[in-house]
Amino acid sequence: MIIFFFFFGVFRFLFLLAFFKRFVLSYFVPNRDEGTGFGGAG
């Protein structure tokens, strides 16, 4: 179970990181990756 929670935490961290990067890139460069979907700038 500890390994399960560990991987769940890592997955959630990567998900939040991708979402944050998507938000920042869309804020600074709004037309860089338009239409590529969620996390396309990664």
Protein backbone atom coordinates (compact mmCIF):
# COMPACT_ATOMS: atom_id res chain seq x y z
CA MET A 1 0.00 0.00 0.00
CA ILE A 2 2.87 2.36 0.73
CA ILE A 3 4.15 1.94 -2.83
CA PHE A 4 0.65 2.59 -4.15
CA PHE A 5 0.39 5.85 -2.23
CA PHE A 6 3.91 6.79 -3.33
CA PHE A 7 3.11 6.35 -7.02
CA PHE A 8 -0.23 8.11 -6.56
CA GLY A 9 1.58 11.09 -5.04
CA VAL A 10 4.12 11.17 -7.87
CA PHE A 11 1.37 10.96 -10.48
CA ARG A 12 -0.57 13.77 -8.80
CA PHE A 13 2.59 15.89 -8.62
CA LEU A 14 3.31 15.38 -12.32
CA PHE A 15 -0.32 16.12 -13.16
CA LEU A 16 -0.25 19.40 -11.22
CA LEU A 17 3.13 20.29 -12.73
CA ALA A 18 1.85 19.71 -16.26
CA PHE A 19 -1.29 21.74 -15.52
CA PHE A 20 0.76 24.58 -14.03
CA LYS A 21 3.17 24.58 -17.00
CA ARG A 22 0.24 24.59 -19.41
CA PHE A 23 -1.28 27.54 -17.56
CA VAL A 24 1.98 29.51 -17.47
CA LEU A 25 2.82 28.88 -21.12
CA SER A 26 -0.70 29.75 -22.21
CA TYR A 27 -0.41 32.95 -20.18
CA PHE A 28 2.96 34.09 -21.51
CA VAL A 29 2.70 32.56 -25.00
CA PRO A 30 -1.03 32.31 -25.75
CA ASN A 31 -0.70 31.16 -29.36
CA ARG A 32 2.22 28.77 -29.02
CA ASP A 33 0.35 25.47 -28.87
CA GLU A 34 -3.27 26.37 -29.44
CA GLY A 35 -5.45 23.38 -30.23
CA THR A 36 -2.98 20.73 -29.11
CA GLY A 37 -5.04 19.76 -26.07
CA PHE A 38 -4.16 19.52 -22.40
CA GLY A 39 -0.44 19.74 -21.67
CA GLY A 40 0.52 20.05 -25.33
CA ALA A 41 3.34 22.46 -24.53
CA GLY A 42 5.15 19.87 -22.44
